Structures are given as structure tokens and as C-alpha cells.
PDB file of N, CA and C in Angstrom:
ATOM      1  N   UNK A   1     119.074 168.919  52.122  1.00  0.00           N
ATOM      2  CA  UNK A   1     118.404 167.574  52.270  1.00  0.00           C
ATOM      3  C   UNK A   1     117.658 167.415  53.608  1.00  0.00           C
ATOM      4  N   UNK A   2     116.301 166.660  53.224  1.00  0.00           N
ATOM      5  CA  UNK A   2     115.443 166.619  54.687  1.00  0.00           C
ATOM      6  C   UNK A   2     115.796 165.189  55.234  1.00  0.00           C
ATOM      7  N   UNK A   3     116.141 165.481  56.443  1.00  0.00           N
ATOM      8  CA  UNK A   3     116.438 164.332  57.148  1.00  0.00           C
ATOM      9  C   UNK A   3     115.166 163.904  58.351  1.00  0.00           C
ATOM     10  N   UNK A   4     114.597 163.118  57.934  1.00  0.00           N
ATOM     11  CA  UNK A   4     113.401 162.529  58.785  1.00  0.00           C
ATOM     12  C   UNK A   4     113.781 161.587  60.071  1.00  0.00           C
ATOM     13  N   UNK A   5     113.335 161.777  61.156  1.00  0.00           N
ATOM     14  CA  UNK A   5     113.560 160.973  62.127  1.00  0.00           C
ATOM     15  C   UNK A   5     112.894 159.340  61.745  1.00  0.00           C
ATOM     16  N   UNK A   6     113.397 158.304  62.190  1.00  0.00           N
ATOM     17  CA  UNK A   6     112.820 156.881  62.165  1.00  0.00           C
ATOM     18  C   UNK A   6     111.498 156.847  62.835  1.00  0.00           C
ATOM     19  N   UNK A   7     111.439 157.748  63.901  1.00  0.00           N
ATOM     20  CA  UNK A   7     109.784 157.879  64.473  1.00  0.00           C
ATOM     21  C   UNK A   7     108.851 158.090  63.526  1.00  0.00           C
ATOM     22  N   UNK A   8     109.349 159.549  63.103  1.00  0.00           N
ATOM     23  CA  UNK A   8     108.562 160.460  62.105  1.00  0.00           C
ATOM     24  C   UNK A   8     108.186 159.618  60.709  1.00  0.00           C
ATOM     25  N   UNK A   9     108.844 158.465  60.164  1.00  0.00           N
ATOM     26  CA  UNK A   9     108.661 157.727  59.088  1.00  0.00           C
ATOM     27  C   UNK A   9     108.024 156.525  59.745  1.00  0.00           C
ATOM     28  N   UNK A  10     108.038 155.899  60.650  1.00  0.00           N
ATOM     29  CA  UNK A  10     107.312 154.886  61.161  1.00  0.00           C
ATOM     30  C   UNK A  10     105.643 155.077  61.583  1.00  0.00           C
ATOM     31  N   UNK A  11     105.672 156.359  62.200  1.00  0.00           N
ATOM     32  CA  UNK A  11     104.132 156.787  62.331  1.00  0.00           C
ATOM     33  C   UNK A  11     103.629 157.391  61.236  1.00  0.00           C
ATOM     34  N   UNK A  12     103.890 157.686  60.274  1.00  0.00           N
ATOM     35  CA  UNK A  12     103.790 157.930  58.711  1.00  0.00           C
ATOM     36  C   UNK A  12     103.357 156.686  58.205  1.00  0.00           C
ATOM     37  N   UNK A  13     104.187 155.686  58.121  1.00  0.00           N
ATOM     38  CA  UNK A  13     103.849 154.352  57.388  1.00  0.00           C
ATOM     39  C   UNK A  13     102.709 153.602  58.277  1.00  0.00           C
ATOM     40  N   UNK A  14     102.729 153.405  59.467  1.00  0.00           N
ATOM     41  CA  UNK A  14     101.711 153.003  60.465  1.00  0.00           C
ATOM     42  C   UNK A  14     100.319 153.869  59.997  1.00  0.00           C
ATOM     43  N   UNK A  15     100.164 155.057  59.966  1.00  0.00           N
ATOM     44  CA  UNK A  15      99.051 155.877  59.404  1.00  0.00           C
ATOM     45  C   UNK A  15      98.614 155.575  58.266  1.00  0.00           C
ATOM     46  N   UNK A  16      99.568 155.264  57.032  1.00  0.00           N
ATOM     47  CA  UNK A  16      98.958 154.962  56.135  1.00  0.00           C
ATOM     48  C   UNK A  16      98.611 153.608  56.120  1.00  0.00           C
ATOM     49  N   UNK A  17      98.939 152.684  56.614  1.00  0.00           N
ATOM     50  CA  UNK A  17      98.725 151.208  56.797  1.00  0.00           C
ATOM     51  C   UNK A  17      97.001 151.130  57.219  1.00  0.00           C
ATOM     52  N   UNK A  18      96.878 151.913  58.654  1.00  0.00           N
ATOM     53  CA  UNK A  18      95.805 152.131  58.993  1.00  0.00           C
ATOM     54  C   UNK A  18      94.845 152.839  58.427  1.00  0.00           C
ATOM     55  N   UNK A  19      94.835 153.472  57.473  1.00  0.00           N
ATOM     56  CA  UNK A  19      93.842 154.278  56.556  1.00  0.00           C
ATOM     57  C   UNK A  19      93.640 153.123  55.594  1.00  0.00           C
ATOM     58  N   UNK A  20      94.854 152.393  54.903  1.00  0.00           N
ATOM     59  CA  UNK A  20      94.466 151.449  54.140  1.00  0.00           C
ATOM     60  C   UNK A  20      93.455 150.175  54.508  1.00  0.00           C
ATOM     61  N   UNK A  21      93.750 149.841  55.372  1.00  0.00           N
ATOM     62  CA  UNK A  21      92.778 148.754  56.215  1.00  0.00           C
ATOM     63  C   UNK A  21      91.429 149.183  56.240  1.00  0.00           C
ATOM     64  N   UNK A  22      91.123 150.754  57.088  1.00  0.00           N
ATOM     65  CA  UNK A  22      89.875 151.443  56.783  1.00  0.00           C
ATOM     66  C   UNK A  22      89.173 151.368  55.956  1.00  0.00           C
ATOM     67  N   UNK A  23      89.821 151.553  54.626  1.00  0.00           N
ATOM     68  CA  UNK A  23      89.181 151.923  53.412  1.00  0.00           C
ATOM     69  C   UNK A  23      89.206 150.492  52.743  1.00  0.00           C
ATOM     70  N   UNK A  24      89.806 149.600  53.272  1.00  0.00           N
ATOM     71  CA  UNK A  24      89.607 148.069  52.758  1.00  0.00           C
ATOM     72  C   UNK A  24      88.357 147.712  53.305  1.00  0.00           C
ATOM     73  N   UNK A  25      87.750 148.151  54.673  1.00  0.00           N
ATOM     74  CA  UNK A  25      86.555 147.539  55.374  1.00  0.00           C
ATOM     75  C   UNK A  25      85.251 148.414  54.994  1.00  0.00           C
ATOM     76  N   UNK A  26      85.684 149.630  54.463  1.00  0.00           N
ATOM     77  CA  UNK A  26      84.642 150.436  53.700  1.00  0.00           C
ATOM     78  C   UNK A  26      84.098 149.749  52.529  1.00  0.00           C
ATOM     79  N   UNK A  27      85.273 149.513  51.513  1.00  0.00           N
ATOM     80  CA  UNK A  27      85.036 148.750  50.359  1.00  0.00           C
ATOM     81  C   UNK A  27      84.491 147.087  50.052  1.00  0.00           C
ATOM     82  N   UNK A  28      84.851 146.715  51.474  1.00  0.00           N
ATOM     83  CA  UNK A  28      84.949 145.287  51.102  1.00  0.00           C
ATOM     84  C   UNK A  28      84.090 144.581  52.381  1.00  0.00           C
ATOM     85  N   UNK A  29      84.232 145.105  53.621  1.00  0.00           N
ATOM     86  CA  UNK A  29      83.619 144.579  54.867  1.00  0.00           C
ATOM     87  C   UNK A  29      82.162 144.295  54.700  1.00  0.00           C
ATOM     88  N   UNK A  30      81.780 144.075  56.162  1.00  0.00           N
ATOM     89  CA  UNK A  30      80.215 143.468  56.145  1.00  0.00           C
ATOM     90  C   UNK A  30      79.443 144.821  55.677  1.00  0.00           C
ATOM     91  N   UNK A  31      79.667 145.977  56.313  1.00  0.00           N
ATOM     92  CA  UNK A  31      78.789 147.180  56.167  1.00  0.00           C
ATOM     93  C   UNK A  31      79.463 148.082  54.863  1.00  0.00           C
ATOM     94  N   UNK A  32      79.835 147.416  53.826  1.00  0.00           N
ATOM     95  CA  UNK A  32      80.536 148.194  52.687  1.00  0.00           C
ATOM     96  C   UNK A  32      79.679 148.622  51.673  1.00  0.00           C
ATOM     97  N   UNK A  33      80.318 149.363  50.551  1.00  0.00           N
ATOM     98  CA  UNK A  33      79.346 149.827  49.325  1.00  0.00           C
ATOM     99  C   UNK A  33      79.133 148.500  48.790  1.00  0.00           C
ATOM    100  N   UNK A  34      80.009 147.513  48.668  1.00  0.00           N
ATOM    101  CA  UNK A  34      79.468 146.679  47.540  1.00  0.00           C
ATOM    102  C   UNK A  34      78.170 145.946  48.101  1.00  0.00           C
ATOM    103  N   UNK A  35      78.032 145.745  49.723  1.00  0.00           N
ATOM    104  CA  UNK A  35      76.780 145.021  50.401  1.00  0.00           C
ATOM    105  C   UNK A  35      75.653 146.071  49.875  1.00  0.00           C
ATOM    106  N   UNK A  36      76.149 147.503  50.051  1.00  0.00           N
ATOM    107  CA  UNK A  36      74.650 148.204  49.902  1.00  0.00           C
ATOM    108  C   UNK A  36      74.419 148.104  48.433  1.00  0.00           C
ATOM    109  N   UNK A  37      75.136 147.932  47.755  1.00  0.00           N
ATOM    110  CA  UNK A  37      74.868 147.996  46.149  1.00  0.00           C
ATOM    111  C   UNK A  37      73.981 146.654  45.932  1.00  0.00           C
ATOM    112  N   UNK A  38      74.185 145.513  46.699  1.00  0.00           N
ATOM    113  CA  UNK A  38      73.796 144.196  46.840  1.00  0.00           C
ATOM    114  C   UNK A  38      72.369 144.356  47.187  1.00  0.00           C
ATOM    115  N   UNK A  39      72.008 145.100  48.453  1.00  0.00           N
ATOM    116  CA  UNK A  39      71.032 145.162  49.187  1.00  0.00           C
ATOM    117  C   UNK A  39      69.852 145.885  48.115  1.00  0.00           C
ATOM    118  N   UNK A  40      70.624 146.892  47.344  1.00  0.00           N
ATOM    119  CA  UNK A  40      69.465 147.740  46.523  1.00  0.00           C
ATOM    120  C   UNK A  40      69.074 146.946  45.587  1.00  0.00           C
ATOM    121  N   UNK A  41      69.963 146.119  45.021  1.00  0.00           N
ATOM    122  CA  UNK A  41      69.317 145.280  43.768  1.00  0.00           C
ATOM    123  C   UNK A  41      68.389 144.301  44.554  1.00  0.00           C
ATOM    124  N   UNK A  42      68.674 143.805  45.213  1.00  0.00           N
ATOM    125  CA  UNK A  42      67.438 143.000  45.936  1.00  0.00           C
ATOM    126  C   UNK A  42      66.415 143.592  46.433  1.00  0.00           C
ATOM    127  N   UNK A  43      66.426 144.962  46.743  1.00  0.00           N
ATOM    128  CA  UNK A  43      65.304 145.594  47.402  1.00  0.00           C
ATOM    129  C   UNK A  43      64.593 145.952  45.755  1.00  0.00           C
ATOM    130  N   UNK A  44      65.202 146.445  44.604  1.00  0.00           N
ATOM    131  CA  UNK A  44      64.446 146.503  43.522  1.00  0.00           C
ATOM    132  C   UNK A  44      63.889 145.123  43.052  1.00  0.00           C
ATOM    133  N   UNK A  45      64.369 144.092  43.239  1.00  0.00           N
ATOM    134  CA  UNK A  45      63.948 142.842  42.667  1.00  0.00           C
ATOM    135  C   UNK A  45      62.589 142.506  43.464  1.00  0.00           C
ATOM    136  N   UNK A  46      62.551 142.308  44.593  1.00  0.00           N
ATOM    137  CA  UNK A  46      61.571 142.187  45.676  1.00  0.00           C
ATOM    138  C   UNK A  46      60.600 143.092  45.254  1.00  0.00           C
ATOM    139  N   UNK A  47      60.791 144.314  45.244  1.00  0.00           N
ATOM    140  CA  UNK A  47      59.697 145.195  44.728  1.00  0.00           C
ATOM    141  C   UNK A  47      58.945 144.660  43.365  1.00  0.00           C
ATOM    142  N   UNK A  48      59.670 144.419  42.451  1.00  0.00           N
ATOM    143  CA  UNK A  48      59.081 143.727  41.263  1.00  0.00           C
ATOM    144  C   UNK A  48      58.227 142.509  41.400  1.00  0.00           C
ATOM    145  N   UNK A  49      58.720 141.812  42.238  1.00  0.00           N
ATOM    146  CA  UNK A  49      58.204 140.413  42.662  1.00  0.00           C
ATOM    147  C   UNK A  49      56.942 141.049  43.322  1.00  0.00           C
ATOM    148  N   UNK A  50      56.775 141.682  44.357  1.00  0.00           N
ATOM    149  CA  UNK A  50      55.785 142.205  44.999  1.00  0.00           C
ATOM    150  C   UNK A  50      54.447 142.742  43.839  1.00  0.00           C
ATOM    151  N   UNK A  51      55.072 143.535  43.223  1.00  0.00           N
ATOM    152  CA  UNK A  51      54.044 143.958  41.795  1.00  0.00           C
ATOM    153  C   UNK A  51      53.881 142.688  41.393  1.00  0.00           C
ATOM    154  N   UNK A  52      54.383 142.030  40.947  1.00  0.00           N
ATOM    155  CA  UNK A  52      53.732 140.908  40.217  1.00  0.00           C
ATOM    156  C   UNK A  52      53.014 139.993  40.813  1.00  0.00           C
ATOM    157  N   UNK A  53      53.305 140.106  42.103  1.00  0.00           N
ATOM    158  CA  UNK A  53      52.281 139.065  42.923  1.00  0.00           C
ATOM    159  C   UNK A  53      51.021 139.469  43.492  1.00  0.00           C
ATOM    160  N   UNK A  54      51.088 140.906  43.208  1.00  0.00           N
ATOM    161  CA  UNK A  54      49.811 141.810  43.584  1.00  0.00           C
ATOM    162  C   UNK A  54      48.899 141.589  42.377  1.00  0.00           C
ATOM    163  N   UNK A  55      49.590 141.522  40.905  1.00  0.00           N
ATOM    164  CA  UNK A  55      48.708 141.732  40.116  1.00  0.00           C
ATOM    165  C   UNK A  55      47.859 140.134  39.697  1.00  0.00           C
ATOM    166  N   UNK A  56      48.839 139.271  40.206  1.00  0.00           N
ATOM    167  CA  UNK A  56      48.383 137.593  40.248  1.00  0.00           C
ATOM    168  C   UNK A  56      47.148 137.448  41.296  1.00  0.00           C
ATOM    169  N   UNK A  57      47.488 138.153  42.408  1.00  0.00           N
ATOM    170  CA  UNK A  57      46.434 138.081  43.554  1.00  0.00           C
ATOM    171  C   UNK A  57      44.992 138.854  42.823  1.00  0.00           C
ATOM    172  N   UNK A  58      45.507 140.043  42.261  1.00  0.00           N
ATOM    173  CA  UNK A  58      43.962 140.560  41.508  1.00  0.00           C
ATOM    174  C   UNK A  58      43.299 139.553  40.773  1.00  0.00           C
ATOM    175  N   UNK A  59      44.180 139.148  39.718  1.00  0.00           N
ATOM    176  CA  UNK A  59      43.543 137.963  38.461  1.00  0.00           C
ATOM    177  C   UNK A  59      42.711 137.173  39.254  1.00  0.00           C
ATOM    178  N   UNK A  60      43.486 136.393  40.344  1.00  0.00           N
ATOM    179  CA  UNK A  60      42.776 135.114  40.788  1.00  0.00           C
ATOM    180  C   UNK A  60      41.668 135.306  41.750  1.00  0.00           C
ATOM    181  N   UNK A  61      41.649 136.655  42.525  1.00  0.00           N
ATOM    182  CA  UNK A  61      40.301 137.452  43.254  1.00  0.00           C
ATOM    183  C   UNK A  61      39.384 137.405  42.583  1.00  0.00           C
ATOM    184  N   UNK A  62      39.367 138.221  41.153  1.00  0.00           N
ATOM    185  CA  UNK A  62      38.385 138.447  40.271  1.00  0.00           C
ATOM    186  C   UNK A  62      37.838 137.167  39.749  1.00  0.00           C
ATOM    187  N   UNK A  63      39.247 136.069  39.587  1.00  0.00           N
ATOM    188  CA  UNK A  63      38.232 134.653  39.325  1.00  0.00           C
ATOM    189  C   UNK A  63      37.471 133.873  39.834  1.00  0.00           C
ATOM    190  N   UNK A  64      38.124 134.267  41.514  1.00  0.00           N
ATOM    191  CA  UNK A  64      37.229 133.505  42.489  1.00  0.00           C
ATOM    192  C   UNK A  64      35.664 134.213  42.591  1.00  0.00           C
ATOM    193  N   UNK A  65      35.558 135.579  42.177  1.00  0.00           N
ATOM    194  CA  UNK A  65      34.358 136.096  42.662  1.00  0.00           C
ATOM    195  C   UNK A  65      33.438 135.611  41.598  1.00  0.00           C
ATOM    196  N   UNK A  66      33.900 135.569  40.203  1.00  0.00           N
ATOM    197  CA  UNK A  66      33.421 135.159  39.197  1.00  0.00           C
ATOM    198  C   UNK A  66      32.569 133.419  39.457  1.00  0.00           C
ATOM    199  N   UNK A  67      33.854 132.889  40.076  1.00  0.00           N
ATOM    200  CA  UNK A  67      33.201 131.176  40.000  1.00  0.00           C
ATOM    201  C   UNK A  67      32.134 131.348  41.230  1.00  0.00           C
ATOM    202  N   UNK A  68      32.244 132.343  41.829  1.00  0.00           N
ATOM    203  CA  UNK A  68      31.628 132.424  43.494  1.00  0.00           C
ATOM    204  C   UNK A  68      30.132 132.657  43.004  1.00  0.00           C
ATOM    205  N   UNK A  69      29.858 133.593  42.054  1.00  0.00           N
ATOM    206  CA  UNK A  69      28.812 133.923  41.510  1.00  0.00           C
ATOM    207  C   UNK A  69      28.056 132.746  40.744  1.00  0.00           C
ATOM    208  N   UNK A  70      28.541 131.973  40.264  1.00  0.00           N
ATOM    209  CA  UNK A  70      28.015 130.873  39.522  1.00  0.00           C
ATOM    210  C   UNK A  70      27.778 129.502  40.373  1.00  0.00           C
ATOM    211  N   UNK A  71      28.165 129.712  41.771  1.00  0.00           N
ATOM    212  CA  UNK A  71      27.531 128.477  42.462  1.00  0.00           C
ATOM    213  C   UNK A  71      26.137 128.901  42.769  1.00  0.00           C
ATOM    214  N   UNK A  72      25.602 127.263  42.965  1.00  0.00           N
ATOM    215  CA  UNK A  72      23.934 127.771  43.355  1.00  0.00           C
ATOM    216  C   UNK A  72      24.058 128.198  44.817  1.00  0.00           C
ATOM    217  N   UNK A  73      23.183 129.146  45.307  1.00  0.00           N
ATOM    218  CA  UNK A  73      22.807 129.755  46.556  1.00  0.00           C
ATOM    219  C   UNK A  73      22.207 128.822  47.538  1.00  0.00           C
ATOM    220  N   UNK A  74      22.707 128.785  48.483  1.00  0.00           N
ATOM    221  CA  UNK A  74      22.282 127.789  49.531  1.00  0.00           C
ATOM    222  C   UNK A  74      21.193 128.753  50.228  1.00  0.00           C
ATOM    223  N   UNK A  75      20.039 127.802  50.573  1.00  0.00           N
ATOM    224  CA  UNK A  75      18.656 128.591  51.194  1.00  0.00           C
ATOM    225  C   UNK A  75      18.442 127.696  52.679  1.00  0.00           C
TER     226      UNK A  75
END
């Protein structure tokens, strides 16, 4: 039968507890995997929004130049 001292058991339990706290911070903390995932989703949506706004801007610029050509020229 293995006899472990109380000191060994306490050190092991404290180590396991600290490791659990560390893993909890990694998974759910301010700099966690879930935050990284949310930021990647936000980045993707912002890139899509940027693409849509660029297309809208291009259409509006084209319309502007067409309207600008219809204006009478000032002399």
C-alpha cells in the first residue's frame, strides 16, 4: 500500500486547482479562445461590410459623374 504524506497530497491538489484556474482563464478570460472567435467573426462581418460599401461607393461615384456631365458648363 502506498502511503502519501499530507504535504504531497496538498501540493498535488493545489497544483491541480491552479491548473484548472489557468485553463478557465484561457477558455473564458479576457484574452480567451472565445474572445478570439468572436473577434474573427467580427472581422469577417466588417470585411463583408467594407466590400458592400466599396461597391455602393463605386455606383454612387459613377452616378455622380454621369450627373456632372449633364450639368451646363460654366463659362
